[in-house]
PDB file of N, CA and C in Angstrom:
ATOM      1  N   MET A   1     127.732 -89.601 -50.654  1.00  0.00           N
ATOM      2  CA  MET A   1     126.743 -89.970 -49.676  1.00  0.00           C
ATOM      3  C   MET A   1     127.444 -90.762 -48.578  1.00  0.00           C
ATOM      4  N   ASP A   2     127.081 -90.481 -47.344  1.00  0.00           N
ATOM      5  CA  ASP A   2     127.605 -91.187 -46.194  1.00  0.00           C
ATOM      6  C   ASP A   2     127.095 -92.625 -46.214  1.00  0.00           C
ATOM      7  N   GLU A   3     127.938 -93.570 -45.822  1.00  0.00           N
ATOM      8  CA  GLU A   3     127.520 -94.978 -45.883  1.00  0.00           C
ATOM      9  C   GLU A   3     126.368 -95.287 -44.945  1.00  0.00           C
ATOM     10  N   ASP A   4     126.112 -94.430 -43.945  1.00  0.00           N
ATOM     11  CA  ASP A   4     124.993 -94.648 -43.029  1.00  0.00           C
ATOM     12  C   ASP A   4     123.682 -94.086 -43.570  1.00  0.00           C
ATOM     13  N   GLU A   5     123.779 -93.253 -44.629  1.00  0.00           N
ATOM     14  CA  GLU A   5     122.575 -92.682 -45.212  1.00  0.00           C
ATOM     15  C   GLU A   5     121.882 -93.725 -46.067  1.00  0.00           C
ATOM     16  N   GLU A   6     120.571 -93.639 -46.077  1.00  0.00           N
ATOM     17  CA  GLU A   6     119.777 -94.565 -46.871  1.00  0.00           C
ATOM     18  C   GLU A   6     118.881 -93.753 -47.786  1.00  0.00           C
ATOM     19  N   ILE A   7     118.826 -94.105 -49.056  1.00  0.00           N
ATOM     20  CA  ILE A   7     117.936 -93.431 -49.989  1.00  0.00           C
ATOM     21  C   ILE A   7     116.552 -94.031 -49.801  1.00  0.00           C
ATOM     22  N   LEU A   8     115.615 -93.184 -49.395  1.00  0.00           N
ATOM     23  CA  LEU A   8     114.255 -93.640 -49.157  1.00  0.00           C
ATOM     24  C   LEU A   8     113.386 -93.332 -50.367  1.00  0.00           C
ATOM     25  N   PRO A   9     112.422 -94.210 -50.679  1.00  0.00           N
ATOM     26  CA  PRO A   9     111.514 -93.919 -51.780  1.00  0.00           C
ATOM     27  C   PRO A   9     110.591 -92.769 -51.390  1.00  0.00           C
ATOM     28  N   ALA A  10     110.032 -92.116 -52.373  1.00  0.00           N
ATOM     29  CA  ALA A  10     109.096 -91.023 -52.117  1.00  0.00           C
ATOM     30  C   ALA A  10     107.905 -91.537 -51.317  1.00  0.00           C
ATOM     31  N   ARG A  11     107.394 -90.689 -50.456  1.00  0.00           N
ATOM     32  CA  ARG A  11     106.224 -91.040 -49.656  1.00  0.00           C
ATOM     33  C   ARG A  11     104.971 -90.871 -50.507  1.00  0.00           C
ATOM     34  N   VAL A  12     104.022 -91.758 -50.330  1.00  0.00           N
ATOM     35  CA  VAL A  12     102.759 -91.698 -51.059  1.00  0.00           C
ATOM     36  C   VAL A  12     101.779 -90.843 -50.255  1.00  0.00           C
ATOM     37  N   TYR A  13     101.181 -89.850 -50.907  1.00  0.00           N
ATOM     38  CA  TYR A  13     100.201 -88.984 -50.265  1.00  0.00           C
ATOM     39  C   TYR A  13      99.094 -89.835 -49.651  1.00  0.00           C
ATOM     40  N   GLY A  14      98.723 -89.504 -48.423  1.00  0.00           N
ATOM     41  CA  GLY A  14      97.629 -90.196 -47.755  1.00  0.00           C
ATOM     42  C   GLY A  14      98.074 -91.360 -46.893  1.00  0.00           C
ATOM     43  N   MET A  15      99.299 -91.799 -47.034  1.00  0.00           N
ATOM     44  CA  MET A  15      99.794 -92.884 -46.200  1.00  0.00           C
ATOM     45  C   MET A  15     100.353 -92.296 -44.905  1.00  0.00           C
ATOM     46  N   ASP A  16     100.160 -92.988 -43.836  1.00  0.00           N
ATOM     47  CA  ASP A  16     100.626 -92.553 -42.518  1.00  0.00           C
ATOM     48  C   ASP A  16     102.147 -92.493 -42.489  1.00  0.00           C
ATOM     49  N   ARG A  17     102.683 -91.387 -41.988  1.00  0.00           N
ATOM     50  CA  ARG A  17     104.137 -91.226 -41.905  1.00  0.00           C
ATOM     51  C   ARG A  17     104.789 -92.298 -41.038  1.00  0.00           C
ATOM     52  N   ASP A  18     104.037 -92.819 -40.083  1.00  0.00           N
ATOM     53  CA  ASP A  18     104.579 -93.842 -39.185  1.00  0.00           C
ATOM     54  C   ASP A  18     104.505 -95.249 -39.770  1.00  0.00           C
ATOM     55  N   GLU A  19     103.866 -95.373 -40.908  1.00  0.00           N
ATOM     56  CA  GLU A  19     103.750 -96.685 -41.550  1.00  0.00           C
ATOM     57  C   GLU A  19     105.148 -97.197 -41.892  1.00  0.00           C
ATOM     58  N   ARG A  20     105.341 -98.470 -41.759  1.00  0.00           N
ATOM     59  CA  ARG A  20     106.659 -99.075 -41.981  1.00  0.00           C
ATOM     60  C   ARG A  20     107.209 -98.771 -43.360  1.00  0.00           C
ATOM     61  N   ASN A  21     106.377 -98.836 -44.372  1.00  0.00           N
ATOM     62  CA  ASN A  21     106.814 -98.544 -45.733  1.00  0.00           C
ATOM     63  C   ASN A  21     105.804 -97.601 -46.391  1.00  0.00           C
ATOM     64  N   PRO A  22     105.999 -96.265 -46.227  1.00  0.00           N
ATOM     65  CA  PRO A  22     105.042 -95.327 -46.828  1.00  0.00           C
ATOM     66  C   PRO A  22     105.304 -95.063 -48.311  1.00  0.00           C
ATOM     67  N   GLY A  23     106.135 -95.872 -48.933  1.00  0.00           N
ATOM     68  CA  GLY A  23     106.485 -95.677 -50.331  1.00  0.00           C
ATOM     69  C   GLY A  23     105.520 -96.353 -51.287  1.00  0.00           C
ATOM     70  N   PRO A  24     105.829 -96.272 -52.572  1.00  0.00           N
ATOM     71  CA  PRO A  24     104.953 -96.842 -53.602  1.00  0.00           C
ATOM     72  C   PRO A  24     104.849 -98.358 -53.501  1.00  0.00           C
ATOM     73  N   ARG A  25     103.711 -98.870 -53.940  1.00  0.00           N
ATOM     74  CA  ARG A  25     103.427-100.307 -53.923  1.00  0.00           C
ATOM     75  C   ARG A  25     103.479-100.856 -55.348  1.00  0.00           C
ATOM     76  N   PRO A  26     103.950-102.079 -55.506  1.00  0.00           N
ATOM     77  CA  PRO A  26     103.965-102.692 -56.838  1.00  0.00           C
ATOM     78  C   PRO A  26     102.542-102.796 -57.401  1.00  0.00           C
ATOM     79  N   GLY A  27     102.429-102.625 -58.699  1.00  0.00           N
ATOM     80  CA  GLY A  27     101.136-102.771 -59.366  1.00  0.00           C
ATOM     81  C   GLY A  27     100.238-101.545 -59.270  1.00  0.00           C
ATOM     82  N   ARG A  28     100.725-100.449 -58.694  1.00  0.00           N
ATOM     83  CA  ARG A  28      99.942 -99.220 -58.583  1.00  0.00           C
ATOM     84  C   ARG A  28     100.522 -98.167 -59.530  1.00  0.00           C
ATOM     85  N   ASP A  29      99.723 -97.194 -59.923  1.00  0.00           N
ATOM     86  CA  ASP A  29     100.173 -96.098 -60.780  1.00  0.00           C
ATOM     87  C   ASP A  29     100.241 -94.822 -59.947  1.00  0.00           C
ATOM     88  N   TYR A  30     101.305 -94.047 -60.143  1.00  0.00           N
ATOM     89  CA  TYR A  30     101.513 -92.840 -59.348  1.00  0.00           C
ATOM     90  C   TYR A  30     101.850 -91.645 -60.229  1.00  0.00           C
ATOM     91  N   ALA A  31     101.483 -90.467 -59.724  1.00  0.00           N
ATOM     92  CA  ALA A  31     101.911 -89.198 -60.308  1.00  0.00           C
ATOM     93  C   ALA A  31     102.747 -88.498 -59.244  1.00  0.00           C
ATOM     94  N   GLN A  32     103.814 -87.845 -59.667  1.00  0.00           N
ATOM     95  CA  GLN A  32     104.676 -87.127 -58.735  1.00  0.00           C
ATOM     96  C   GLN A  32     104.161 -85.703 -58.565  1.00  0.00           C
ATOM     97  N   LEU A  33     104.017 -85.255 -57.314  1.00  0.00           N
ATOM     98  CA  LEU A  33     103.572 -83.901 -57.025  1.00  0.00           C
ATOM     99  C   LEU A  33     104.793 -82.979 -57.003  1.00  0.00           C
ATOM    100  N   ILE A  34     104.713 -81.876 -57.743  1.00  0.00           N
ATOM    101  CA  ILE A  34     105.841 -80.966 -57.911  1.00  0.00           C
ATOM    102  C   ILE A  34     105.479 -79.601 -57.331  1.00  0.00           C
ATOM    103  N   GLY A  35     106.297 -79.110 -56.417  1.00  0.00           N
ATOM    104  CA  GLY A  35     106.091 -77.802 -55.818  1.00  0.00           C
ATOM    105  C   GLY A  35     105.068 -77.828 -54.699  1.00  0.00           C
ATOM    106  N   GLY A  36     104.933 -76.702 -54.021  1.00  0.00           N
ATOM    107  CA  GLY A  36     103.945 -76.568 -52.958  1.00  0.00           C
ATOM    108  C   GLY A  36     104.239 -77.425 -51.745  1.00  0.00           C
ATOM    109  N   PRO A  37     103.266 -77.541 -50.853  1.00  0.00           N
ATOM    110  CA  PRO A  37     103.483 -78.233 -49.588  1.00  0.00           C
ATOM    111  C   PRO A  37     103.672 -79.745 -49.706  1.00  0.00           C
ATOM    112  N   LEU A  38     103.254 -80.334 -50.794  1.00  0.00           N
ATOM    113  CA  LEU A  38     103.372 -81.796 -50.956  1.00  0.00           C
ATOM    114  C   LEU A  38     104.451 -82.179 -51.968  1.00  0.00           C
ATOM    115  N   ASP A  39     105.367 -81.235 -52.227  1.00  0.00           N
ATOM    116  CA  ASP A  39     106.438 -81.462 -53.195  1.00  0.00           C
ATOM    117  C   ASP A  39     107.169 -82.771 -52.923  1.00  0.00           C
ATOM    118  N   GLY A  40     107.304 -83.580 -53.949  1.00  0.00           N
ATOM    119  CA  GLY A  40     108.035 -84.833 -53.845  1.00  0.00           C
ATOM    120  C   GLY A  40     107.180 -86.036 -53.475  1.00  0.00           C
ATOM    121  N   CYS A  41     105.969 -85.803 -52.994  1.00  0.00           N
ATOM    122  CA  CYS A  41     105.082 -86.923 -52.676  1.00  0.00           C
ATOM    123  C   CYS A  41     104.562 -87.542 -53.972  1.00  0.00           C
ATOM    124  N   LEU A  42     104.135 -88.772 -53.857  1.00  0.00           N
ATOM    125  CA  LEU A  42     103.495 -89.463 -54.972  1.00  0.00           C
ATOM    126  C   LEU A  42     102.000 -89.538 -54.695  1.00  0.00           C
ATOM    127  N   LEU A  43     101.197 -89.389 -55.731  1.00  0.00           N
ATOM    128  CA  LEU A  43      99.750 -89.507 -55.629  1.00  0.00           C
ATOM    129  C   LEU A  43      99.335 -90.778 -56.347  1.00  0.00           C
ATOM    130  N   ASP A  44      98.637 -91.659 -55.639  1.00  0.00           N
ATOM    131  CA  ASP A  44      98.172 -92.917 -56.233  1.00  0.00           C
ATOM    132  C   ASP A  44      97.024 -92.599 -57.187  1.00  0.00           C
ATOM    133  N   ILE A  45      97.246 -92.815 -58.478  1.00  0.00           N
ATOM    134  CA  ILE A  45      96.232 -92.539 -59.494  1.00  0.00           C
ATOM    135  C   ILE A  45      95.720 -93.828 -60.142  1.00  0.00           C
ATOM    136  N   THR A  46      95.940 -94.946 -59.480  1.00  0.00           N
ATOM    137  CA  THR A  46      95.488 -96.233 -60.004  1.00  0.00           C
ATOM    138  C   THR A  46      93.985 -96.199 -60.238  1.00  0.00           C
ATOM    139  N   GLY A  47      93.561 -96.542 -61.429  1.00  0.00           N
ATOM    140  CA  GLY A  47      92.142 -96.600 -61.768  1.00  0.00           C
ATOM    141  C   GLY A  47      91.516 -95.265 -62.144  1.00  0.00           C
ATOM    142  N   TRP A  48      92.287 -94.191 -62.131  1.00  0.00           N
ATOM    143  CA  TRP A  48      91.737 -92.888 -62.512  1.00  0.00           C
ATOM    144  C   TRP A  48      91.496 -92.855 -64.013  1.00  0.00           C
ATOM    145  N   SER A  49      90.435 -92.184 -64.421  1.00  0.00           N
ATOM    146  CA  SER A  49      90.151 -92.023 -65.847  1.00  0.00           C
ATOM    147  C   SER A  49      90.981 -90.860 -66.374  1.00  0.00           C
ATOM    148  N   GLY A  50      91.057 -90.744 -67.675  1.00  0.00           N
ATOM    149  CA  GLY A  50      91.775 -89.631 -68.288  1.00  0.00           C
ATOM    150  C   GLY A  50      91.206 -88.288 -67.857  1.00  0.00           C
ATOM    151  N   THR A  51      89.882 -88.216 -67.696  1.00  0.00           N
ATOM    152  CA  THR A  51      89.242 -86.978 -67.271  1.00  0.00           C
ATOM    153  C   THR A  51      89.672 -86.602 -65.858  1.00  0.00           C
ATOM    154  N   GLU A  52      89.697 -87.578 -64.962  1.00  0.00           N
ATOM    155  CA  GLU A  52      90.110 -87.300 -63.580  1.00  0.00           C
ATOM    156  C   GLU A  52      91.550 -86.811 -63.528  1.00  0.00           C
ATOM    157  N   MET A  53      92.401 -87.414 -64.312  1.00  0.00           N
ATOM    158  CA  MET A  53      93.802 -87.043 -64.299  1.00  0.00           C
ATOM    159  C   MET A  53      94.011 -85.635 -64.867  1.00  0.00           C
ATOM    160  N   HIS A  54      93.165 -85.194 -65.772  1.00  0.00           N
ATOM    161  CA  HIS A  54      93.355 -83.899 -66.416  1.00  0.00           C
ATOM    162  C   HIS A  54      92.625 -82.755 -65.725  1.00  0.00           C
ATOM    163  N   SER A  55      91.738 -83.063 -64.789  1.00  0.00           N
ATOM    164  CA  SER A  55      90.982 -81.988 -64.138  1.00  0.00           C
ATOM    165  C   SER A  55      91.699 -81.419 -62.919  1.00  0.00           C
ATOM    166  N   GLY A  56      92.714 -82.095 -62.399  1.00  0.00           N
ATOM    167  CA  GLY A  56      93.429 -81.621 -61.222  1.00  0.00           C
ATOM    168  C   GLY A  56      92.762 -82.077 -59.939  1.00  0.00           C
ATOM    169  N   VAL A  57      93.458 -81.869 -58.826  1.00  0.00           N
ATOM    170  CA  VAL A  57      92.958 -82.316 -57.527  1.00  0.00           C
ATOM    171  C   VAL A  57      93.254 -81.270 -56.458  1.00  0.00           C
ATOM    172  N   ALA A  58      92.427 -81.259 -55.413  1.00  0.00           N
ATOM    173  CA  ALA A  58      92.642 -80.430 -54.226  1.00  0.00           C
ATOM    174  C   ALA A  58      92.866 -81.417 -53.077  1.00  0.00           C
ATOM    175  N   LEU A  59      94.086 -81.499 -52.590  1.00  0.00           N
ATOM    176  CA  LEU A  59      94.467 -82.505 -51.596  1.00  0.00           C
ATOM    177  C   LEU A  59      94.558 -81.894 -50.202  1.00  0.00           C
ATOM    178  N   LEU A  60      93.898 -82.520 -49.233  1.00  0.00           N
ATOM    179  CA  LEU A  60      93.961 -82.059 -47.849  1.00  0.00           C
ATOM    180  C   LEU A  60      95.397 -82.096 -47.342  1.00  0.00           C
ATOM    181  N   THR A  61      95.804 -81.029 -46.662  1.00  0.00           N
ATOM    182  CA  THR A  61      97.131 -80.996 -46.063  1.00  0.00           C
ATOM    183  C   THR A  61      97.169 -79.955 -44.950  1.00  0.00           C
ATOM    184  N   GLU A  62      97.923 -80.251 -43.919  1.00  0.00           N
ATOM    185  CA  GLU A  62      98.148 -79.294 -42.827  1.00  0.00           C
ATOM    186  C   GLU A  62      99.310 -78.368 -43.154  1.00  0.00           C
ATOM    187  N   LEU A  63     100.032 -78.674 -44.222  1.00  0.00           N
ATOM    188  CA  LEU A  63     101.274 -77.976 -44.533  1.00  0.00           C
ATOM    189  C   LEU A  63     101.106 -76.730 -45.383  1.00  0.00           C
ATOM    190  N   GLY A  64      99.939 -76.506 -45.922  1.00  0.00           N
ATOM    191  CA  GLY A  64      99.733 -75.381 -46.825  1.00  0.00           C
ATOM    192  C   GLY A  64      99.446 -74.071 -46.107  1.00  0.00           C
ATOM    193  N   ARG A  65      99.136 -73.073 -46.878  1.00  0.00           N
ATOM    194  CA  ARG A  65      98.882 -71.715 -46.387  1.00  0.00           C
ATOM    195  C   ARG A  65      97.756 -71.642 -45.365  1.00  0.00           C
ATOM    196  N   PHE A  66      96.757 -72.510 -45.465  1.00  0.00           N
ATOM    197  CA  PHE A  66      95.586 -72.445 -44.604  1.00  0.00           C
ATOM    198  C   PHE A  66      95.629 -73.418 -43.433  1.00  0.00           C
ATOM    199  N   GLY A  67      96.741 -74.123 -43.253  1.00  0.00           N
ATOM    200  CA  GLY A  67      96.904 -75.025 -42.105  1.00  0.00           C
ATOM    201  C   GLY A  67      95.943 -76.199 -42.150  1.00  0.00           C
ATOM    202  N   PRO A  68      95.645 -76.786 -40.972  1.00  0.00           N
ATOM    203  CA  PRO A  68      94.759 -77.956 -40.916  1.00  0.00           C
ATOM    204  C   PRO A  68      93.424 -77.681 -41.610  1.00  0.00           C
ATOM    205  N   GLY A  69      93.013 -78.600 -42.447  1.00  0.00           N
ATOM    206  CA  GLY A  69      91.766 -78.460 -43.187  1.00  0.00           C
ATOM    207  C   GLY A  69      91.928 -77.780 -44.531  1.00  0.00           C
ATOM    208  N   GLY A  70      93.102 -77.188 -44.771  1.00  0.00           N
ATOM    209  CA  GLY A  70      93.354 -76.551 -46.057  1.00  0.00           C
ATOM    210  C   GLY A  70      93.666 -77.578 -47.130  1.00  0.00           C
ATOM    211  N   ARG A  71      93.670 -77.110 -48.356  1.00  0.00           N
ATOM    212  CA  ARG A  71      93.950 -77.996 -49.488  1.00  0.00           C
ATOM    213  C   ARG A  71      95.027 -77.399 -50.378  1.00  0.00           C
ATOM    214  N   ALA A  72      95.851 -78.268 -50.916  1.00  0.00           N
ATOM    215  CA  ALA A  72      96.846 -77.883 -51.912  1.00  0.00           C
ATOM    216  C   ALA A  72      96.316 -78.346 -53.266  1.00  0.00           C
ATOM    217  N   MET A  73      96.342 -77.459 -54.241  1.00  0.00           N
ATOM    218  CA  MET A  73      95.788 -77.779 -55.552  1.00  0.00           C
ATOM    219  C   MET A  73      96.907 -78.125 -56.531  1.00  0.00           C
ATOM    220  N   TYR A  74      96.723 -79.244 -57.214  1.00  0.00           N
ATOM    221  CA  TYR A  74      97.700 -79.719 -58.193  1.00  0.00           C
ATOM    222  C   TYR A  74      96.988 -80.035 -59.498  1.00  0.00           C
ATOM    223  N   GLY A  75      97.616 -79.667 -60.589  1.00  0.00           N
ATOM    224  CA  GLY A  75      97.071 -79.955 -61.908  1.00  0.00           C
ATOM    225  C   GLY A  75      98.122 -80.639 -62.751  1.00  0.00           C
ATOM    226  N   PRO A  76      97.698 -81.355 -63.777  1.00  0.00           N
ATOM    227  CA  PRO A  76      98.643 -82.090 -64.612  1.00  0.00           C
ATOM    228  C   PRO A  76      99.591 -81.160 -65.362  1.00  0.00           C
ATOM    229  N   ARG A  77     100.822 -81.560 -65.459  1.00  0.00           N
ATOM    230  CA  ARG A  77     101.813 -80.805 -66.234  1.00  0.00           C
ATOM    231  C   ARG A  77     101.578 -81.128 -67.713  1.00  0.00           C
ATOM    232  N   PRO A  78     101.459 -80.108 -68.569  1.00  0.00           N
ATOM    233  CA  PRO A  78     101.238 -80.366 -69.995  1.00  0.00           C
ATOM    234  C   PRO A  78     102.298 -81.302 -70.577  1.00  0.00           C
ATOM    235  N   GLY A  79     101.830 -82.353 -71.208  1.00  0.00           N
ATOM    236  CA  GLY A  79     102.727 -83.310 -71.849  1.00  0.00           C
ATOM    237  C   GLY A  79     103.349 -84.324 -70.902  1.00  0.00           C
ATOM    238  N   GLU A  80     103.094 -84.183 -69.602  1.00  0.00           N
ATOM    239  CA  GLU A  80     103.652 -85.122 -68.624  1.00  0.00           C
ATOM    240  C   GLU A  80     102.558 -85.521 -67.629  1.00  0.00           C
ATOM    241  N   PRO A  81     101.661 -86.418 -68.007  1.00  0.00           N
ATOM    242  CA  PRO A  81     100.525 -86.768 -67.163  1.00  0.00           C
ATOM    243  C   PRO A  81     100.903 -87.412 -65.821  1.00  0.00           C
ATOM    244  N   ARG A  82     102.136 -87.830 -65.670  1.00  0.00           N
ATOM    245  CA  ARG A  82     102.571 -88.446 -64.408  1.00  0.00           C
ATOM    246  C   ARG A  82     103.214 -87.423 -63.463  1.00  0.00           C
ATOM    247  N   ARG A  83     103.031 -86.135 -63.762  1.00  0.00           N
ATOM    248  CA  ARG A  83     103.534 -85.068 -62.885  1.00  0.00           C
ATOM    249  C   ARG A  83     102.395 -84.078 -62.643  1.00  0.00           C
ATOM    250  N   GLY A  84     102.216 -83.730 -61.371  1.00  0.00           N
ATOM    251  CA  GLY A  84     101.204 -82.753 -61.010  1.00  0.00           C
ATOM    252  C   GLY A  84     101.859 -81.511 -60.440  1.00  0.00           C
ATOM    253  N   ASP A  85     101.655 -80.372 -61.081  1.00  0.00           N
ATOM    254  CA  ASP A  85     102.235 -79.116 -60.625  1.00  0.00           C
ATOM    255  C   ASP A  85     101.301 -78.411 -59.650  1.00  0.00           C
ATOM    256  N   TRP A  86     101.874 -77.864 -58.603  1.00  0.00           N
ATOM    257  CA  TRP A  86     101.133 -77.102 -57.604  1.00  0.00           C
ATOM    258  C   TRP A  86     100.758 -75.758 -58.195  1.00  0.00           C
ATOM    259  N   PHE A  87      99.502 -75.328 -57.989  1.00  0.00           N
ATOM    260  CA  PHE A  87      99.124 -74.008 -58.468  1.00  0.00           C
ATOM    261  C   PHE A  87      98.386 -73.196 -57.413  1.00  0.00           C
ATOM    262  N   GLY A  88      98.510 -73.590 -56.160  1.00  0.00           N
ATOM    263  CA  GLY A  88      97.945 -72.765 -55.092  1.00  0.00           C
ATOM    264  C   GLY A  88      97.325 -73.579 -53.974  1.00  0.00           C
ATOM    265  N   ASP A  89      96.947 -72.857 -52.923  1.00  0.00           N
ATOM    266  CA  ASP A  89      96.268 -73.451 -51.767  1.00  0.00           C
ATOM    267  C   ASP A  89      94.876 -72.847 -51.658  1.00  0.00           C
ATOM    268  N   MET A  90      93.985 -73.559 -51.004  1.00  0.00           N
ATOM    269  CA  MET A  90      92.640 -73.047 -50.752  1.00  0.00           C
ATOM    270  C   MET A  90      92.190 -73.512 -49.376  1.00  0.00           C
ATOM    271  N   PRO A  91      91.269 -72.773 -48.773  1.00  0.00           N
ATOM    272  CA  PRO A  91      90.792 -73.169 -47.430  1.00  0.00           C
ATOM    273  C   PRO A  91      89.981 -74.440 -47.454  1.00  0.00           C
TER     274      PRO A  91
END
């Protein structure tokens, strides 16, 4: 790694890209999004119930197949509740 390069923490979904520190906050719980348009982002799951974590989510994103207003769908990875796998986009 070049000495001028800086390792940045993963960006948290929903935080403004221009925010000074769009990374994870202490005391919060996160799931890592794997694949699809939000690959590598963290999803704040603080306070989510087990049911919410296991049902999956449809997250708004401009980066998916349907552009602005579209959603990327992520579901829990079996045996790894802190990872959400992408399984498609929807309008």
